[in-house]
Amino acid sequence: MSSLPELQAKIKLARRRFQARPDSRDFAPLADLLREAGQYREALLILDKGLRKFPRYVTGFVIKGRTLNEAGYGELGQEALKKALTLDPQNILALDLLIG
């Protein structure tokens, strides 16, 4: 786990990358860092917007499931992880998070 200053620096860099390429999959690393920082609301907003553009992006659904679980929305988190598994039934991280 990163220290708070390290995490903030990583978020700043990921945000710059995402802003430079808003139509890319760069939303996922930014959302994951925001999740790590406990900024669930912003992470979920970014994930929802990104997954509308990339509806088959397994990693995005795994990050969304993890974020929802950590934010206390376990049922919705499970749905996102199940979506990831419909797209990639062999996804070890989604399976692990789903089984818990």
N, C-alpha and C. Protein backbone atom coordinates (compact mmCIF):
# COMPACT_ATOMS: atom_id res chain seq x y z
N MET A 1 0.85 -1.18 0.00
CA MET A 1 0.00 0.00 0.00
C MET A 1 0.88 1.24 0.00
N SER A 2 0.52 2.20 -0.82
CA SER A 2 1.28 3.44 -0.95
C SER A 2 0.98 4.37 0.22
N SER A 3 1.98 5.21 0.52
CA SER A 3 1.72 6.27 1.49
C SER A 3 0.78 7.28 0.84
N LEU A 4 0.16 8.10 1.66
CA LEU A 4 -0.79 9.08 1.12
C LEU A 4 -0.15 10.01 0.10
N PRO A 5 1.04 10.59 0.36
CA PRO A 5 1.64 11.45 -0.67
C PRO A 5 1.96 10.70 -1.96
N GLU A 6 2.42 9.45 -1.83
CA GLU A 6 2.69 8.63 -3.03
C GLU A 6 1.40 8.38 -3.81
N LEU A 7 0.36 8.03 -3.09
CA LEU A 7 -0.92 7.74 -3.72
C LEU A 7 -1.48 8.99 -4.41
N GLN A 8 -1.38 10.13 -3.76
CA GLN A 8 -1.85 11.38 -4.37
C GLN A 8 -1.06 11.70 -5.64
N ALA A 9 0.25 11.44 -5.61
CA ALA A 9 1.07 11.68 -6.80
C ALA A 9 0.66 10.74 -7.94
N LYS A 10 0.40 9.49 -7.59
CA LYS A 10 -0.04 8.51 -8.61
C LYS A 10 -1.39 8.91 -9.20
N ILE A 11 -2.30 9.38 -8.34
CA ILE A 11 -3.62 9.82 -8.81
C ILE A 11 -3.46 11.01 -9.75
N LYS A 12 -2.61 11.94 -9.39
CA LYS A 12 -2.38 13.13 -10.22
C LYS A 12 -1.86 12.73 -11.60
N LEU A 13 -0.91 11.81 -11.64
CA LEU A 13 -0.36 11.35 -12.91
C LEU A 13 -1.41 10.59 -13.72
N ALA A 14 -2.17 9.72 -13.07
CA ALA A 14 -3.21 8.95 -13.77
C ALA A 14 -4.30 9.89 -14.29
N ARG A 15 -4.62 10.92 -13.53
CA ARG A 15 -5.63 11.88 -13.96
C ARG A 15 -5.15 12.63 -15.22
N ARG A 16 -3.87 13.01 -15.23
CA ARG A 16 -3.31 13.68 -16.41
C ARG A 16 -3.37 12.78 -17.64
N ARG A 17 -3.01 11.51 -17.44
CA ARG A 17 -3.06 10.55 -18.56
C ARG A 17 -4.48 10.41 -19.09
N PHE A 18 -5.43 10.28 -18.17
CA PHE A 18 -6.83 10.12 -18.55
C PHE A 18 -7.34 11.37 -19.26
N GLN A 19 -7.00 12.54 -18.75
CA GLN A 19 -7.46 13.79 -19.38
C GLN A 19 -6.85 13.97 -20.76
N ALA A 20 -5.64 13.46 -20.96
CA ALA A 20 -5.00 13.56 -22.27
C ALA A 20 -5.63 12.61 -23.28
N ARG A 21 -6.21 11.53 -22.80
CA ARG A 21 -6.83 10.52 -23.66
C ARG A 21 -8.17 10.07 -23.07
N PRO A 22 -9.16 10.96 -23.05
CA PRO A 22 -10.43 10.63 -22.39
C PRO A 22 -11.22 9.50 -23.06
N ASP A 23 -10.90 9.16 -24.29
CA ASP A 23 -11.61 8.08 -24.97
C ASP A 23 -10.82 6.77 -24.95
N SER A 24 -9.90 6.66 -24.00
CA SER A 24 -9.09 5.45 -23.88
C SER A 24 -9.51 4.66 -22.64
N ARG A 25 -8.85 3.58 -22.43
CA ARG A 25 -9.11 2.76 -21.24
C ARG A 25 -8.33 3.28 -20.02
N ASP A 26 -7.75 4.46 -20.13
CA ASP A 26 -7.00 5.05 -19.02
C ASP A 26 -7.89 5.39 -17.84
N PHE A 27 -9.20 5.26 -18.00
CA PHE A 27 -10.11 5.51 -16.88
C PHE A 27 -9.92 4.47 -15.77
N ALA A 28 -9.58 3.25 -16.15
CA ALA A 28 -9.51 2.15 -15.17
C ALA A 28 -8.40 2.33 -14.14
N PRO A 29 -7.16 2.63 -14.56
CA PRO A 29 -6.12 2.84 -13.55
C PRO A 29 -6.43 4.02 -12.63
N LEU A 30 -7.00 5.08 -13.18
CA LEU A 30 -7.37 6.23 -12.35
C LEU A 30 -8.42 5.82 -11.34
N ALA A 31 -9.45 5.13 -11.78
CA ALA A 31 -10.52 4.70 -10.87
C ALA A 31 -9.97 3.76 -9.79
N ASP A 32 -9.04 2.89 -10.15
CA ASP A 32 -8.49 1.96 -9.17
C ASP A 32 -7.68 2.70 -8.11
N LEU A 33 -6.94 3.71 -8.52
CA LEU A 33 -6.20 4.51 -7.55
C LEU A 33 -7.14 5.31 -6.64
N LEU A 34 -8.21 5.83 -7.22
CA LEU A 34 -9.21 6.54 -6.42
C LEU A 34 -9.85 5.59 -5.42
N ARG A 35 -10.10 4.37 -5.84
CA ARG A 35 -10.64 3.34 -4.94
C ARG A 35 -9.68 3.12 -3.78
N GLU A 36 -8.41 2.99 -4.11
CA GLU A 36 -7.39 2.76 -3.09
C GLU A 36 -7.34 3.91 -2.08
N ALA A 37 -7.63 5.11 -2.56
CA ALA A 37 -7.64 6.30 -1.70
C ALA A 37 -8.96 6.47 -0.96
N GLY A 38 -9.92 5.58 -1.20
CA GLY A 38 -11.21 5.67 -0.54
C GLY A 38 -12.16 6.67 -1.18
N GLN A 39 -11.84 7.12 -2.38
CA GLN A 39 -12.67 8.08 -3.10
C GLN A 39 -13.63 7.31 -4.02
N TYR A 40 -14.52 6.57 -3.39
CA TYR A 40 -15.38 5.64 -4.10
C TYR A 40 -16.34 6.32 -5.06
N ARG A 41 -16.93 7.41 -4.64
CA ARG A 41 -17.92 8.08 -5.49
C ARG A 41 -17.31 8.51 -6.83
N GLU A 42 -16.17 9.18 -6.77
CA GLU A 42 -15.52 9.62 -8.00
C GLU A 42 -15.08 8.42 -8.83
N ALA A 43 -14.55 7.40 -8.17
CA ALA A 43 -14.11 6.20 -8.89
C ALA A 43 -15.28 5.58 -9.64
N LEU A 44 -16.43 5.47 -8.98
CA LEU A 44 -17.60 4.85 -9.62
C LEU A 44 -18.14 5.70 -10.76
N LEU A 45 -18.11 7.01 -10.62
CA LEU A 45 -18.54 7.88 -11.73
C LEU A 45 -17.65 7.68 -12.95
N ILE A 46 -16.36 7.63 -12.72
CA ILE A 46 -15.40 7.42 -13.81
C ILE A 46 -15.59 6.05 -14.44
N LEU A 47 -15.78 5.03 -13.60
CA LEU A 47 -15.99 3.67 -14.11
C LEU A 47 -17.27 3.57 -14.94
N ASP A 48 -18.35 4.15 -14.44
CA ASP A 48 -19.61 4.07 -15.19
C ASP A 48 -19.48 4.72 -16.57
N LYS A 49 -18.85 5.87 -16.60
CA LYS A 49 -18.67 6.56 -17.89
C LYS A 49 -17.76 5.75 -18.81
N GLY A 50 -16.67 5.25 -18.28
CA GLY A 50 -15.73 4.47 -19.08
C GLY A 50 -16.33 3.17 -19.58
N LEU A 51 -17.10 2.50 -18.73
CA LEU A 51 -17.69 1.22 -19.14
C LEU A 51 -18.82 1.40 -20.15
N ARG A 52 -19.40 2.59 -20.23
CA ARG A 52 -20.37 2.85 -21.31
C ARG A 52 -19.63 2.89 -22.65
N LYS A 53 -18.40 3.38 -22.65
CA LYS A 53 -17.60 3.42 -23.88
C LYS A 53 -16.98 2.06 -24.20
N PHE A 54 -16.65 1.31 -23.16
CA PHE A 54 -15.98 0.01 -23.31
C PHE A 54 -16.77 -1.06 -22.55
N PRO A 55 -17.93 -1.44 -23.07
CA PRO A 55 -18.82 -2.35 -22.32
C PRO A 55 -18.33 -3.79 -22.20
N ARG A 56 -17.21 -4.10 -22.83
CA ARG A 56 -16.66 -5.46 -22.74
C ARG A 56 -15.29 -5.46 -22.06
N TYR A 57 -15.00 -4.39 -21.32
CA TYR A 57 -13.69 -4.24 -20.67
C TYR A 57 -13.71 -4.92 -19.30
N VAL A 58 -13.21 -6.12 -19.27
CA VAL A 58 -13.27 -6.97 -18.08
C VAL A 58 -12.62 -6.29 -16.87
N THR A 59 -11.45 -5.74 -17.06
CA THR A 59 -10.74 -5.09 -15.96
C THR A 59 -11.58 -3.98 -15.34
N GLY A 60 -12.29 -3.24 -16.16
CA GLY A 60 -13.16 -2.18 -15.65
C GLY A 60 -14.24 -2.73 -14.74
N PHE A 61 -14.82 -3.85 -15.11
CA PHE A 61 -15.86 -4.46 -14.27
C PHE A 61 -15.28 -5.04 -12.97
N VAL A 62 -14.06 -5.57 -13.04
CA VAL A 62 -13.42 -6.08 -11.82
C VAL A 62 -13.16 -4.91 -10.86
N ILE A 63 -12.63 -3.81 -11.38
CA ILE A 63 -12.38 -2.64 -10.53
C ILE A 63 -13.69 -2.10 -9.97
N LYS A 64 -14.72 -2.08 -10.79
CA LYS A 64 -16.03 -1.60 -10.32
C LYS A 64 -16.55 -2.51 -9.21
N GLY A 65 -16.45 -3.81 -9.39
CA GLY A 65 -16.91 -4.74 -8.36
C GLY A 65 -16.15 -4.55 -7.05
N ARG A 66 -14.87 -4.41 -7.16
CA ARG A 66 -14.04 -4.21 -5.97
C ARG A 66 -14.39 -2.89 -5.27
N THR A 67 -14.58 -1.84 -6.07
CA THR A 67 -14.93 -0.53 -5.52
C THR A 67 -16.27 -0.58 -4.81
N LEU A 68 -17.26 -1.17 -5.45
CA LEU A 68 -18.59 -1.28 -4.84
C LEU A 68 -18.54 -2.10 -3.55
N ASN A 69 -17.80 -3.20 -3.57
CA ASN A 69 -17.67 -4.01 -2.36
C ASN A 69 -17.07 -3.21 -1.22
N GLU A 70 -15.99 -2.49 -1.50
CA GLU A 70 -15.32 -1.71 -0.46
C GLU A 70 -16.18 -0.55 0.02
N ALA A 71 -17.03 -0.03 -0.86
CA ALA A 71 -17.90 1.09 -0.50
C ALA A 71 -19.14 0.63 0.27
N GLY A 72 -19.29 -0.68 0.44
CA GLY A 72 -20.43 -1.20 1.20
C GLY A 72 -21.63 -1.58 0.36
N TYR A 73 -21.44 -1.69 -0.94
CA TYR A 73 -22.52 -2.08 -1.85
C TYR A 73 -22.23 -3.46 -2.42
N GLY A 74 -22.16 -4.43 -1.51
CA GLY A 74 -21.75 -5.78 -1.87
C GLY A 74 -22.56 -6.43 -2.96
N GLU A 75 -23.88 -6.27 -2.92
CA GLU A 75 -24.72 -6.91 -3.93
C GLU A 75 -24.41 -6.34 -5.33
N LEU A 76 -24.28 -5.03 -5.42
CA LEU A 76 -23.93 -4.42 -6.71
C LEU A 76 -22.51 -4.80 -7.12
N GLY A 77 -21.63 -4.91 -6.14
CA GLY A 77 -20.26 -5.35 -6.43
C GLY A 77 -20.25 -6.75 -7.01
N GLN A 78 -21.06 -7.63 -6.45
CA GLN A 78 -21.16 -9.00 -6.94
C GLN A 78 -21.67 -9.03 -8.39
N GLU A 79 -22.65 -8.16 -8.68
CA GLU A 79 -23.17 -8.08 -10.05
C GLU A 79 -22.08 -7.67 -11.04
N ALA A 80 -21.26 -6.68 -10.65
CA ALA A 80 -20.18 -6.24 -11.54
C ALA A 80 -19.16 -7.35 -11.75
N LEU A 81 -18.85 -8.09 -10.70
CA LEU A 81 -17.90 -9.20 -10.82
C LEU A 81 -18.48 -10.33 -11.67
N LYS A 82 -19.75 -10.58 -11.55
CA LYS A 82 -20.40 -11.60 -12.40
C LYS A 82 -20.37 -11.18 -13.86
N LYS A 83 -20.55 -9.88 -14.12
CA LYS A 83 -20.45 -9.37 -15.49
C LYS A 83 -19.05 -9.61 -16.03
N ALA A 84 -18.04 -9.36 -15.20
CA ALA A 84 -16.66 -9.62 -15.63
C ALA A 84 -16.49 -11.09 -15.99
N LEU A 85 -17.10 -11.97 -15.21
CA LEU A 85 -16.97 -13.40 -15.47
C LEU A 85 -17.76 -13.85 -16.69
N THR A 86 -18.84 -13.16 -17.03
CA THR A 86 -19.53 -13.52 -18.28
C THR A 86 -18.66 -13.16 -19.47
N LEU A 87 -17.85 -12.10 -19.33
CA LEU A 87 -16.96 -11.69 -20.41
C LEU A 87 -15.69 -12.53 -20.45
N ASP A 88 -15.23 -12.96 -19.28
CA ASP A 88 -14.00 -13.76 -19.17
C ASP A 88 -14.17 -14.76 -18.02
N PRO A 89 -14.71 -15.94 -18.32
CA PRO A 89 -14.98 -16.93 -17.27
C PRO A 89 -13.73 -17.40 -16.52
N GLN A 90 -12.55 -17.16 -17.07
CA GLN A 90 -11.31 -17.61 -16.44
C GLN A 90 -10.63 -16.51 -15.63
N ASN A 91 -11.29 -15.37 -15.43
CA ASN A 91 -10.66 -14.25 -14.73
C ASN A 91 -10.48 -14.59 -13.25
N ILE A 92 -9.24 -14.85 -12.87
CA ILE A 92 -8.93 -15.32 -11.52
C ILE A 92 -9.27 -14.26 -10.46
N LEU A 93 -8.97 -13.00 -10.73
CA LEU A 93 -9.24 -11.95 -9.75
C LEU A 93 -10.74 -11.81 -9.49
N ALA A 94 -11.53 -11.80 -10.56
CA ALA A 94 -12.99 -11.71 -10.40
C ALA A 94 -13.51 -12.91 -9.62
N LEU A 95 -13.03 -14.11 -9.94
CA LEU A 95 -13.44 -15.31 -9.21
C LEU A 95 -13.07 -15.21 -7.74
N ASP A 96 -11.86 -14.77 -7.46
CA ASP A 96 -11.39 -14.65 -6.08
C ASP A 96 -12.22 -13.64 -5.30
N LEU A 97 -12.51 -12.49 -5.92
CA LEU A 97 -13.29 -11.46 -5.25
C LEU A 97 -14.74 -11.90 -5.06
N LEU A 98 -15.24 -12.65 -6.00
CA LEU A 98 -16.63 -13.12 -5.92
C LEU A 98 -16.80 -14.16 -4.81
N ILE A 99 -15.83 -15.05 -4.70
CA ILE A 99 -15.88 -16.10 -3.68
C ILE A 99 -15.56 -15.50 -2.31
N GLY A 100 -14.66 -14.52 -2.31
CA GLY A 100 -14.35 -13.77 -1.10
C GLY A 100 -13.52 -14.47 -0.12
